[in-house]
Amino acid sequence: EIPPAFRNDKDARINTTQWRYLLLP
């Protein structure tokens, strides 16, 4: 059910709970 616009977004596949995304820009 995820819209195609998000499927093509590279950010949609990022696991933002990883420490590099928690601490780094």
mmCIF file of all heavy atoms, coordinates in Angstrom:
data_MODEL
# 
_entry.id   MODEL 
# 
loop_
_atom_site.group_PDB 
_atom_site.id 
_atom_site.type_symbol 
_atom_site.label_atom_id 
_atom_site.label_alt_id 
_atom_site.label_comp_id 
_atom_site.label_asym_id 
_atom_site.label_entity_id 
_atom_site.label_seq_id 
_atom_site.pdbx_PDB_ins_code 
_atom_site.Cartn_x 
_atom_site.Cartn_y 
_atom_site.Cartn_z 
_atom_site.occupancy 
_atom_site.B_iso_or_equiv 
_atom_site.pdbx_formal_charge 
_atom_site.auth_seq_id 
_atom_site.auth_comp_id 
_atom_site.auth_asym_id 
_atom_site.auth_atom_id 
_atom_site.pdbx_PDB_model_num 
ATOM 1   N N   . GLU A 1 1  ? 0.802  -1.224 0.000  1.00 0.00 ? 1  GLU A N   1 
ATOM 2   C CA  . GLU A 1 1  ? 0.000  0.000  0.000  1.00 0.00 ? 1  GLU A CA  1 
ATOM 3   C C   . GLU A 1 1  ? 0.833  1.271  0.000  1.00 0.00 ? 1  GLU A C   1 
ATOM 4   O O   . GLU A 1 1  ? 0.283  2.367  -0.066 1.00 0.00 ? 1  GLU A O   1 
ATOM 5   C CB  . GLU A 1 1  ? -0.932 -0.003 1.212  1.00 0.00 ? 1  GLU A CB  1 
ATOM 6   C CG  . GLU A 1 1  ? -2.003 -1.086 1.165  1.00 0.00 ? 1  GLU A CG  1 
ATOM 7   C CD  . GLU A 1 1  ? -2.833 -1.123 2.427  1.00 0.00 ? 1  GLU A CD  1 
ATOM 8   O OE1 . GLU A 1 1  ? -2.521 -0.337 3.351  1.00 0.00 ? 1  GLU A OE1 1 
ATOM 9   O OE2 . GLU A 1 1  ? -3.789 -1.924 2.499  1.00 0.00 ? 1  GLU A OE2 1 
ATOM 10  N N   . ILE A 1 2  ? 2.157  1.146  0.096  1.00 0.00 ? 2  ILE A N   1 
ATOM 11  C CA  . ILE A 1 2  ? 3.020  2.328  0.085  1.00 0.00 ? 2  ILE A CA  1 
ATOM 12  C C   . ILE A 1 2  ? 2.967  2.969  -1.298 1.00 0.00 ? 2  ILE A C   1 
ATOM 13  O O   . ILE A 1 2  ? 3.141  2.284  -2.319 1.00 0.00 ? 2  ILE A O   1 
ATOM 14  C CB  . ILE A 1 2  ? 4.467  1.949  0.438  1.00 0.00 ? 2  ILE A CB  1 
ATOM 15  C CG1 . ILE A 1 2  ? 4.530  1.398  1.872  1.00 0.00 ? 2  ILE A CG1 1 
ATOM 16  C CG2 . ILE A 1 2  ? 5.397  3.147  0.298  1.00 0.00 ? 2  ILE A CG2 1 
ATOM 17  C CD1 . ILE A 1 2  ? 5.900  0.913  2.271  1.00 0.00 ? 2  ILE A CD1 1 
ATOM 18  N N   . PRO A 1 3  ? 2.724  4.283  -1.398 1.00 0.00 ? 3  PRO A N   1 
ATOM 19  C CA  . PRO A 1 3  ? 2.640  4.945  -2.712 1.00 0.00 ? 3  PRO A CA  1 
ATOM 20  C C   . PRO A 1 3  ? 3.937  4.811  -3.492 1.00 0.00 ? 3  PRO A C   1 
ATOM 21  O O   . PRO A 1 3  ? 5.028  4.750  -2.914 1.00 0.00 ? 3  PRO A O   1 
ATOM 22  C CB  . PRO A 1 3  ? 2.358  6.416  -2.344 1.00 0.00 ? 3  PRO A CB  1 
ATOM 23  C CG  . PRO A 1 3  ? 1.777  6.357  -0.973 1.00 0.00 ? 3  PRO A CG  1 
ATOM 24  C CD  . PRO A 1 3  ? 2.425  5.204  -0.292 1.00 0.00 ? 3  PRO A CD  1 
ATOM 25  N N   . PRO A 1 4  ? 3.839  4.758  -4.803 1.00 0.00 ? 4  PRO A N   1 
ATOM 26  C CA  . PRO A 1 4  ? 5.052  4.632  -5.634 1.00 0.00 ? 4  PRO A CA  1 
ATOM 27  C C   . PRO A 1 4  ? 6.054  5.759  -5.424 1.00 0.00 ? 4  PRO A C   1 
ATOM 28  O O   . PRO A 1 4  ? 7.259  5.553  -5.581 1.00 0.00 ? 4  PRO A O   1 
ATOM 29  C CB  . PRO A 1 4  ? 4.495  4.641  -7.066 1.00 0.00 ? 4  PRO A CB  1 
ATOM 30  C CG  . PRO A 1 4  ? 3.070  4.184  -6.924 1.00 0.00 ? 4  PRO A CG  1 
ATOM 31  C CD  . PRO A 1 4  ? 2.610  4.708  -5.597 1.00 0.00 ? 4  PRO A CD  1 
ATOM 32  N N   . ALA A 1 5  ? 5.563  6.945  -5.070 1.00 0.00 ? 5  ALA A N   1 
ATOM 33  C CA  . ALA A 1 5  ? 6.487  8.069  -4.868 1.00 0.00 ? 5  ALA A CA  1 
ATOM 34  C C   . ALA A 1 5  ? 7.474  7.783  -3.741 1.00 0.00 ? 5  ALA A C   1 
ATOM 35  O O   . ALA A 1 5  ? 8.653  8.168  -3.822 1.00 0.00 ? 5  ALA A O   1 
ATOM 36  C CB  . ALA A 1 5  ? 5.693  9.338  -4.564 1.00 0.00 ? 5  ALA A CB  1 
ATOM 37  N N   . PHE A 1 6  ? 7.005  7.114  -2.703 1.00 0.00 ? 6  PHE A N   1 
ATOM 38  C CA  . PHE A 1 6  ? 7.895  6.776  -1.604 1.00 0.00 ? 6  PHE A CA  1 
ATOM 39  C C   . PHE A 1 6  ? 8.776  5.578  -1.941 1.00 0.00 ? 6  PHE A C   1 
ATOM 40  O O   . PHE A 1 6  ? 9.894  5.467  -1.429 1.00 0.00 ? 6  PHE A O   1 
ATOM 41  C CB  . PHE A 1 6  ? 7.086  6.495  -0.338 1.00 0.00 ? 6  PHE A CB  1 
ATOM 42  C CG  . PHE A 1 6  ? 6.462  7.715  0.267  1.00 0.00 ? 6  PHE A CG  1 
ATOM 43  C CD1 . PHE A 1 6  ? 5.107  7.946  0.165  1.00 0.00 ? 6  PHE A CD1 1 
ATOM 44  C CD2 . PHE A 1 6  ? 7.237  8.644  0.930  1.00 0.00 ? 6  PHE A CD2 1 
ATOM 45  C CE1 . PHE A 1 6  ? 4.524  9.075  0.720  1.00 0.00 ? 6  PHE A CE1 1 
ATOM 46  C CE2 . PHE A 1 6  ? 6.681  9.774  1.489  1.00 0.00 ? 6  PHE A CE2 1 
ATOM 47  C CZ  . PHE A 1 6  ? 5.313  10.001 1.389  1.00 0.00 ? 6  PHE A CZ  1 
ATOM 48  N N   . ARG A 1 7  ? 8.278  4.680  -2.773 1.00 0.00 ? 7  ARG A N   1 
ATOM 49  C CA  . ARG A 1 7  ? 9.093  3.528  -3.146 1.00 0.00 ? 7  ARG A CA  1 
ATOM 50  C C   . ARG A 1 7  ? 10.350 3.947  -3.896 1.00 0.00 ? 7  ARG A C   1 
ATOM 51  O O   . ARG A 1 7  ? 11.391 3.300  -3.807 1.00 0.00 ? 7  ARG A O   1 
ATOM 52  C CB  . ARG A 1 7  ? 8.280  2.558  -4.008 1.00 0.00 ? 7  ARG A CB  1 
ATOM 53  C CG  . ARG A 1 7  ? 7.183  1.839  -3.244 1.00 0.00 ? 7  ARG A CG  1 
ATOM 54  C CD  . ARG A 1 7  ? 6.438  0.874  -4.168 1.00 0.00 ? 7  ARG A CD  1 
ATOM 55  N NE  . ARG A 1 7  ? 5.399  0.171  -3.442 1.00 0.00 ? 7  ARG A NE  1 
ATOM 56  C CZ  . ARG A 1 7  ? 5.606  -0.938 -2.734 1.00 0.00 ? 7  ARG A CZ  1 
ATOM 57  N NH1 . ARG A 1 7  ? 6.834  -1.443 -2.665 1.00 0.00 ? 7  ARG A NH1 1 
ATOM 58  N NH2 . ARG A 1 7  ? 4.617  -1.528 -2.104 1.00 0.00 ? 7  ARG A NH2 1 
ATOM 59  N N   . ASN A 1 8  ? 10.255 5.048  -4.642 1.00 0.00 ? 8  ASN A N   1 
ATOM 60  C CA  . ASN A 1 8  ? 11.396 5.540  -5.410 1.00 0.00 ? 8  ASN A CA  1 
ATOM 61  C C   . ASN A 1 8  ? 12.274 6.509  -4.621 1.00 0.00 ? 8  ASN A C   1 
ATOM 62  O O   . ASN A 1 8  ? 13.289 6.969  -5.157 1.00 0.00 ? 8  ASN A O   1 
ATOM 63  C CB  . ASN A 1 8  ? 10.897 6.233  -6.687 1.00 0.00 ? 8  ASN A CB  1 
ATOM 64  C CG  . ASN A 1 8  ? 10.128 5.274  -7.587 1.00 0.00 ? 8  ASN A CG  1 
ATOM 65  O OD1 . ASN A 1 8  ? 10.436 4.094  -7.659 1.00 0.00 ? 8  ASN A OD1 1 
ATOM 66  N ND2 . ASN A 1 8  ? 9.115  5.802  -8.279 1.00 0.00 ? 8  ASN A ND2 1 
ATOM 67  N N   . ASP A 1 9  ? 11.885 6.818  -3.398 1.00 0.00 ? 9  ASP A N   1 
ATOM 68  C CA  . ASP A 1 9  ? 12.654 7.736  -2.569 1.00 0.00 ? 9  ASP A CA  1 
ATOM 69  C C   . ASP A 1 9  ? 13.757 6.958  -1.839 1.00 0.00 ? 9  ASP A C   1 
ATOM 70  O O   . ASP A 1 9  ? 13.485 5.969  -1.148 1.00 0.00 ? 9  ASP A O   1 
ATOM 71  C CB  . ASP A 1 9  ? 11.740 8.415  -1.549 1.00 0.00 ? 9  ASP A CB  1 
ATOM 72  C CG  . ASP A 1 9  ? 12.431 9.552  -0.817 1.00 0.00 ? 9  ASP A CG  1 
ATOM 73  O OD1 . ASP A 1 9  ? 13.676 9.679  -0.941 1.00 0.00 ? 9  ASP A OD1 1 
ATOM 74  O OD2 . ASP A 1 9  ? 11.737 10.313 -0.112 1.00 0.00 ? 9  ASP A OD2 1 
ATOM 75  N N   . LYS A 1 10 ? 15.001 7.390  -2.003 1.00 0.00 ? 10 LYS A N   1 
ATOM 76  C CA  . LYS A 1 10 ? 16.113 6.680  -1.367 1.00 0.00 ? 10 LYS A CA  1 
ATOM 77  C C   . LYS A 1 10 ? 16.036 6.758  0.155  1.00 0.00 ? 10 LYS A C   1 
ATOM 78  O O   . LYS A 1 10 ? 16.522 5.861  0.860  1.00 0.00 ? 10 LYS A O   1 
ATOM 79  C CB  . LYS A 1 10 ? 17.444 7.261  -1.849 1.00 0.00 ? 10 LYS A CB  1 
ATOM 80  C CG  . LYS A 1 10 ? 17.649 8.728  -1.506 1.00 0.00 ? 10 LYS A CG  1 
ATOM 81  C CD  . LYS A 1 10 ? 18.973 9.231  -2.034 1.00 0.00 ? 10 LYS A CD  1 
ATOM 82  C CE  . LYS A 1 10 ? 19.177 10.709 -1.707 1.00 0.00 ? 10 LYS A CE  1 
ATOM 83  N NZ  . LYS A 1 10 ? 19.218 10.974 -0.249 1.00 0.00 ? 10 LYS A NZ  1 
ATOM 84  N N   . ASP A 1 11 ? 15.416 7.820  0.683  1.00 0.00 ? 11 ASP A N   1 
ATOM 85  C CA  . ASP A 1 11 ? 15.312 7.953  2.140  1.00 0.00 ? 11 ASP A CA  1 
ATOM 86  C C   . ASP A 1 11 ? 14.337 6.954  2.746  1.00 0.00 ? 11 ASP A C   1 
ATOM 87  O O   . ASP A 1 11 ? 14.400 6.669  3.933  1.00 0.00 ? 11 ASP A O   1 
ATOM 88  C CB  . ASP A 1 11 ? 14.863 9.370  2.506  1.00 0.00 ? 11 ASP A CB  1 
ATOM 89  C CG  . ASP A 1 11 ? 15.902 10.420 2.144  1.00 0.00 ? 11 ASP A CG  1 
ATOM 90  O OD1 . ASP A 1 11 ? 17.078 10.032 1.970  1.00 0.00 ? 11 ASP A OD1 1 
ATOM 91  O OD2 . ASP A 1 11 ? 15.545 11.600 2.029  1.00 0.00 ? 11 ASP A OD2 1 
ATOM 92  N N   . ALA A 1 12 ? 13.426 6.431  1.920  1.00 0.00 ? 12 ALA A N   1 
ATOM 93  C CA  . ALA A 1 12 ? 12.416 5.519  2.444  1.00 0.00 ? 12 ALA A CA  1 
ATOM 94  C C   . ALA A 1 12 ? 13.000 4.177  2.864  1.00 0.00 ? 12 ALA A C   1 
ATOM 95  O O   . ALA A 1 12 ? 12.364 3.420  3.599  1.00 0.00 ? 12 ALA A O   1 
ATOM 96  C CB  . ALA A 1 12 ? 11.311 5.304  1.420  1.00 0.00 ? 12 ALA A CB  1 
ATOM 97  N N   . ARG A 1 13 ? 14.210 3.861  2.400  1.00 0.00 ? 13 ARG A N   1 
ATOM 98  C CA  . ARG A 1 13 ? 14.847 2.599  2.746  1.00 0.00 ? 13 ARG A CA  1 
ATOM 99  C C   . ARG A 1 13 ? 15.883 2.746  3.856  1.00 0.00 ? 13 ARG A C   1 
ATOM 100 O O   . ARG A 1 13 ? 16.578 1.780  4.194  1.00 0.00 ? 13 ARG A O   1 
ATOM 101 C CB  . ARG A 1 13 ? 15.501 1.973  1.505  1.00 0.00 ? 13 ARG A CB  1 
ATOM 102 C CG  . ARG A 1 13 ? 14.489 1.587  0.429  1.00 0.00 ? 13 ARG A CG  1 
ATOM 103 C CD  . ARG A 1 13 ? 15.153 0.858  -0.714 1.00 0.00 ? 13 ARG A CD  1 
ATOM 104 N NE  . ARG A 1 13 ? 14.153 0.422  -1.688 1.00 0.00 ? 13 ARG A NE  1 
ATOM 105 C CZ  . ARG A 1 13 ? 13.494 -0.732 -1.608 1.00 0.00 ? 13 ARG A CZ  1 
ATOM 106 N NH1 . ARG A 1 13 ? 13.733 -1.567 -0.599 1.00 0.00 ? 13 ARG A NH1 1 
ATOM 107 N NH2 . ARG A 1 13 ? 12.605 -1.051 -2.533 1.00 0.00 ? 13 ARG A NH2 1 
ATOM 108 N N   . ILE A 1 14 ? 15.997 3.930  4.426  1.00 0.00 ? 14 ILE A N   1 
ATOM 109 C CA  . ILE A 1 14 ? 16.994 4.182  5.466  1.00 0.00 ? 14 ILE A CA  1 
ATOM 110 C C   . ILE A 1 14 ? 16.422 3.801  6.829  1.00 0.00 ? 14 ILE A C   1 
ATOM 111 O O   . ILE A 1 14 ? 15.304 4.186  7.181  1.00 0.00 ? 14 ILE A O   1 
ATOM 112 C CB  . ILE A 1 14 ? 17.419 5.664  5.467  1.00 0.00 ? 14 ILE A CB  1 
ATOM 113 C CG1 . ILE A 1 14 ? 18.172 5.995  4.179  1.00 0.00 ? 14 ILE A CG1 1 
ATOM 114 C CG2 . ILE A 1 14 ? 18.287 5.978  6.685  1.00 0.00 ? 14 ILE A CG2 1 
ATOM 115 C CD1 . ILE A 1 14 ? 18.576 7.440  4.076  1.00 0.00 ? 14 ILE A CD1 1 
ATOM 116 N N   . ASN A 1 15 ? 17.199 3.063  7.588  1.00 0.00 ? 15 ASN A N   1 
ATOM 117 C CA  . ASN A 1 15 ? 16.841 2.744  8.969  1.00 0.00 ? 15 ASN A CA  1 
ATOM 118 C C   . ASN A 1 15 ? 17.350 3.875  9.856  1.00 0.00 ? 15 ASN A C   1 
ATOM 119 O O   . ASN A 1 15 ? 18.529 3.927  10.213 1.00 0.00 ? 15 ASN A O   1 
ATOM 120 C CB  . ASN A 1 15 ? 17.462 1.406  9.380  1.00 0.00 ? 15 ASN A CB  1 
ATOM 121 C CG  . ASN A 1 15 ? 17.133 1.037  10.815 1.00 0.00 ? 15 ASN A CG  1 
ATOM 122 O OD1 . ASN A 1 15 ? 16.268 1.647  11.452 1.00 0.00 ? 15 ASN A OD1 1 
ATOM 123 N ND2 . ASN A 1 15 ? 17.824 0.043  11.348 1.00 0.00 ? 15 ASN A ND2 1 
ATOM 124 N N   . THR A 1 16 ? 16.477 4.794  10.199 1.00 0.00 ? 16 THR A N   1 
ATOM 125 C CA  . THR A 1 16 ? 16.888 5.998  10.927 1.00 0.00 ? 16 THR A CA  1 
ATOM 126 C C   . THR A 1 16 ? 17.170 5.739  12.400 1.00 0.00 ? 16 THR A C   1 
ATOM 127 O O   . THR A 1 16 ? 17.535 6.672  13.114 1.00 0.00 ? 16 THR A O   1 
ATOM 128 C CB  . THR A 1 16 ? 15.806 7.086  10.799 1.00 0.00 ? 16 THR A CB  1 
ATOM 129 O OG1 . THR A 1 16 ? 14.547 6.561  11.258 1.00 0.00 ? 16 THR A OG1 1 
ATOM 130 C CG2 . THR A 1 16 ? 15.657 7.532  9.363  1.00 0.00 ? 16 THR A CG2 1 
ATOM 131 N N   . THR A 1 17 ? 17.003 4.507  12.878 1.00 0.00 ? 17 THR A N   1 
ATOM 132 C CA  . THR A 1 17 ? 17.352 4.199  14.268 1.00 0.00 ? 17 THR A CA  1 
ATOM 133 C C   . THR A 1 17 ? 18.811 3.782  14.410 1.00 0.00 ? 17 THR A C   1 
ATOM 134 O O   . THR A 1 17 ? 19.255 3.496  15.523 1.00 0.00 ? 17 THR A O   1 
ATOM 135 C CB  . THR A 1 17 ? 16.456 3.085  14.825 1.00 0.00 ? 17 THR A CB  1 
ATOM 136 O OG1 . THR A 1 17 ? 16.644 1.887  14.055 1.00 0.00 ? 17 THR A OG1 1 
ATOM 137 C CG2 . THR A 1 17 ? 14.997 3.492  14.772 1.00 0.00 ? 17 THR A CG2 1 
ATOM 138 N N   . GLN A 1 18 ? 19.562 3.732  13.310 1.00 0.00 ? 18 GLN A N   1 
ATOM 139 C CA  . GLN A 1 18 ? 20.986 3.429  13.395 1.00 0.00 ? 18 GLN A CA  1 
ATOM 140 C C   . GLN A 1 18 ? 21.729 4.627  13.974 1.00 0.00 ? 18 GLN A C   1 
ATOM 141 O O   . GLN A 1 18 ? 21.345 5.779  13.780 1.00 0.00 ? 18 GLN A O   1 
ATOM 142 C CB  . GLN A 1 18 ? 21.543 3.080  12.018 1.00 0.00 ? 18 GLN A CB  1 
ATOM 143 C CG  . GLN A 1 18 ? 20.980 1.791  11.442 1.00 0.00 ? 18 GLN A CG  1 
ATOM 144 C CD  . GLN A 1 18 ? 21.521 1.488  10.058 1.00 0.00 ? 18 GLN A CD  1 
ATOM 145 O OE1 . GLN A 1 18 ? 22.062 2.373  9.380  1.00 0.00 ? 18 GLN A OE1 1 
ATOM 146 N NE2 . GLN A 1 18 ? 21.364 0.245  9.619  1.00 0.00 ? 18 GLN A NE2 1 
ATOM 147 N N   . TRP A 1 19 ? 22.842 4.358  14.656 1.00 0.00 ? 19 TRP A N   1 
ATOM 148 C CA  . TRP A 1 19 ? 23.536 5.404  15.400 1.00 0.00 ? 19 TRP A CA  1 
ATOM 149 C C   . TRP A 1 19 ? 24.106 6.494  14.502 1.00 0.00 ? 19 TRP A C   1 
ATOM 150 O O   . TRP A 1 19 ? 24.210 7.643  14.913 1.00 0.00 ? 19 TRP A O   1 
ATOM 151 C CB  . TRP A 1 19 ? 24.645 4.788  16.255 1.00 0.00 ? 19 TRP A CB  1 
ATOM 152 C CG  . TRP A 1 19 ? 24.113 4.153  17.491 1.00 0.00 ? 19 TRP A CG  1 
ATOM 153 C CD1 . TRP A 1 19 ? 23.926 2.834  17.730 1.00 0.00 ? 19 TRP A CD1 1 
ATOM 154 C CD2 . TRP A 1 19 ? 23.639 4.834  18.663 1.00 0.00 ? 19 TRP A CD2 1 
ATOM 155 N NE1 . TRP A 1 19 ? 23.376 2.641  18.976 1.00 0.00 ? 19 TRP A NE1 1 
ATOM 156 C CE2 . TRP A 1 19 ? 23.197 3.845  19.568 1.00 0.00 ? 19 TRP A CE2 1 
ATOM 157 C CE3 . TRP A 1 19 ? 23.559 6.177  19.026 1.00 0.00 ? 19 TRP A CE3 1 
ATOM 158 C CZ2 . TRP A 1 19 ? 22.672 4.174  20.821 1.00 0.00 ? 19 TRP A CZ2 1 
ATOM 159 C CZ3 . TRP A 1 19 ? 23.040 6.504  20.271 1.00 0.00 ? 19 TRP A CZ3 1 
ATOM 160 C CH2 . TRP A 1 19 ? 22.613 5.506  21.149 1.00 0.00 ? 19 TRP A CH2 1 
ATOM 161 N N   . ARG A 1 20 ? 24.456 6.145  13.280 1.00 0.00 ? 20 ARG A N   1 
ATOM 162 C CA  . ARG A 1 20 ? 25.002 7.199  12.409 1.00 0.00 ? 20 ARG A CA  1 
ATOM 163 C C   . ARG A 1 20 ? 23.935 8.220  12.041 1.00 0.00 ? 20 ARG A C   1 
ATOM 164 O O   . ARG A 1 20 ? 24.242 9.388  11.794 1.00 0.00 ? 20 ARG A O   1 
ATOM 165 C CB  . ARG A 1 20 ? 25.602 6.586  11.151 1.00 0.00 ? 20 ARG A CB  1 
ATOM 166 C CG  . ARG A 1 20 ? 24.630 5.754  10.317 1.00 0.00 ? 20 ARG A CG  1 
ATOM 167 C CD  . ARG A 1 20 ? 25.311 5.281  9.048  1.00 0.00 ? 20 ARG A CD  1 
ATOM 168 N NE  . ARG A 1 20 ? 24.437 4.397  8.274  1.00 0.00 ? 20 ARG A NE  1 
ATOM 169 C CZ  . ARG A 1 20 ? 24.754 3.962  7.069  1.00 0.00 ? 20 ARG A CZ  1 
ATOM 170 N NH1 . ARG A 1 20 ? 25.881 4.331  6.496  1.00 0.00 ? 20 ARG A NH1 1 
ATOM 171 N NH2 . ARG A 1 20 ? 23.923 3.156  6.424  1.00 0.00 ? 20 ARG A NH2 1 
ATOM 172 N N   . TYR A 1 21 ? 22.671 7.802  11.981 1.00 0.00 ? 21 TYR A N   1 
ATOM 173 C CA  . TYR A 1 21 ? 21.586 8.748  11.709 1.00 0.00 ? 21 TYR A CA  1 
ATOM 174 C C   . TYR A 1 21 ? 21.095 9.415  12.990 1.00 0.00 ? 21 TYR A C   1 
ATOM 175 O O   . TYR A 1 21 ? 20.461 10.463 12.928 1.00 0.00 ? 21 TYR A O   1 
ATOM 176 C CB  . TYR A 1 21 ? 20.425 8.027  11.022 1.00 0.00 ? 21 TYR A CB  1 
ATOM 177 C CG  . TYR A 1 21 ? 20.793 7.455  9.681  1.00 0.00 ? 21 TYR A CG  1 
ATOM 178 C CD1 . TYR A 1 21 ? 20.946 6.083  9.515  1.00 0.00 ? 21 TYR A CD1 1 
ATOM 179 C CD2 . TYR A 1 21 ? 21.003 8.278  8.590  1.00 0.00 ? 21 TYR A CD2 1 
ATOM 180 C CE1 . TYR A 1 21 ? 21.302 5.550  8.283  1.00 0.00 ? 21 TYR A CE1 1 
ATOM 181 C CE2 . TYR A 1 21 ? 21.357 7.748  7.353  1.00 0.00 ? 21 TYR A CE2 1 
ATOM 182 C CZ  . TYR A 1 21 ? 21.508 6.381  7.209  1.00 0.00 ? 21 TYR A CZ  1 
ATOM 183 O OH  . TYR A 1 21 ? 21.871 5.866  5.987  1.00 0.00 ? 21 TYR A OH  1 
ATOM 184 N N   . LEU A 1 22 ? 21.397 8.824  14.139 1.00 0.00 ? 22 LEU A N   1 
ATOM 185 C CA  . LEU A 1 22 ? 21.026 9.435  15.414 1.00 0.00 ? 22 LEU A CA  1 
ATOM 186 C C   . LEU A 1 22 ? 21.981 10.556 15.815 1.00 0.00 ? 22 LEU A C   1 
ATOM 187 O O   . LEU A 1 22 ? 21.584 11.497 16.503 1.00 0.00 ? 22 LEU A O   1 
ATOM 188 C CB  . LEU A 1 22 ? 20.994 8.380  16.519 1.00 0.00 ? 22 LEU A CB  1 
ATOM 189 C CG  . LEU A 1 22 ? 19.936 7.281  16.418 1.00 0.00 ? 22 LEU A CG  1 
ATOM 190 C CD1 . LEU A 1 22 ? 20.100 6.291  17.562 1.00 0.00 ? 22 LEU A CD1 1 
ATOM 191 C CD2 . LEU A 1 22 ? 18.539 7.878  16.442 1.00 0.00 ? 22 LEU A CD2 1 
ATOM 192 N N   . LEU A 1 23 ? 23.243 10.455 15.386 1.00 0.00 ? 23 LEU A N   1 
ATOM 193 C CA  . LEU A 1 23 ? 24.258 11.388 15.871 1.00 0.00 ? 23 LEU A CA  1 
ATOM 194 C C   . LEU A 1 23 ? 24.886 12.253 14.787 1.00 0.00 ? 23 LEU A C   1 
ATOM 195 O O   . LEU A 1 23 ? 25.394 13.334 15.094 1.00 0.00 ? 23 LEU A O   1 
ATOM 196 C CB  . LEU A 1 23 ? 25.377 10.609 16.589 1.00 0.00 ? 23 LEU A CB  1 
ATOM 197 C CG  . LEU A 1 23 ? 24.962 9.827  17.836 1.00 0.00 ? 23 LEU A CG  1 
ATOM 198 C CD1 . LEU A 1 23 ? 26.136 9.022  18.355 1.00 0.00 ? 23 LEU A CD1 1 
ATOM 199 C CD2 . LEU A 1 23 ? 24.440 10.760 18.919 1.00 0.00 ? 23 LEU A CD2 1 
ATOM 200 N N   . LEU A 1 24 ? 24.868 11.817 13.540 1.00 0.00 ? 24 LEU A N   1 
ATOM 201 C CA  . LEU A 1 24 ? 25.545 12.544 12.470 1.00 0.00 ? 24 LEU A CA  1 
ATOM 202 C C   . LEU A 1 24 ? 24.534 13.209 11.547 1.00 0.00 ? 24 LEU A C   1 
ATOM 203 O O   . LEU A 1 24 ? 23.407 12.720 11.400 1.00 0.00 ? 24 LEU A O   1 
ATOM 204 C CB  . LEU A 1 24 ? 26.430 11.588 11.662 1.00 0.00 ? 24 LEU A CB  1 
ATOM 205 C CG  . LEU A 1 24 ? 27.535 10.870 12.438 1.00 0.00 ? 24 LEU A CG  1 
ATOM 206 C CD1 . LEU A 1 24 ? 28.292 9.909  11.525 1.00 0.00 ? 24 LEU A CD1 1 
ATOM 207 C CD2 . LEU A 1 24 ? 28.498 11.868 13.068 1.00 0.00 ? 24 LEU A CD2 1 
ATOM 208 N N   . PRO A 1 25 ? 24.911 14.306 10.906 1.00 0.00 ? 25 PRO A N   1 
ATOM 209 C CA  . PRO A 1 25 ? 23.985 14.957 9.960  1.00 0.00 ? 25 PRO A CA  1 
ATOM 210 C C   . PRO A 1 25 ? 23.821 14.116 8.700  1.00 0.00 ? 25 PRO A C   1 
ATOM 211 O O   . PRO A 1 25 ? 24.715 13.366 8.298  1.00 0.00 ? 25 PRO A O   1 
ATOM 212 C CB  . PRO A 1 25 ? 24.677 16.292 9.658  1.00 0.00 ? 25 PRO A CB  1 
ATOM 213 C CG  . PRO A 1 25 ? 26.123 16.028 9.907  1.00 0.00 ? 25 PRO A CG  1 
ATOM 214 C CD  . PRO A 1 25 ? 26.182 15.041 11.034 1.00 0.00 ? 25 PRO A CD  1 
# 
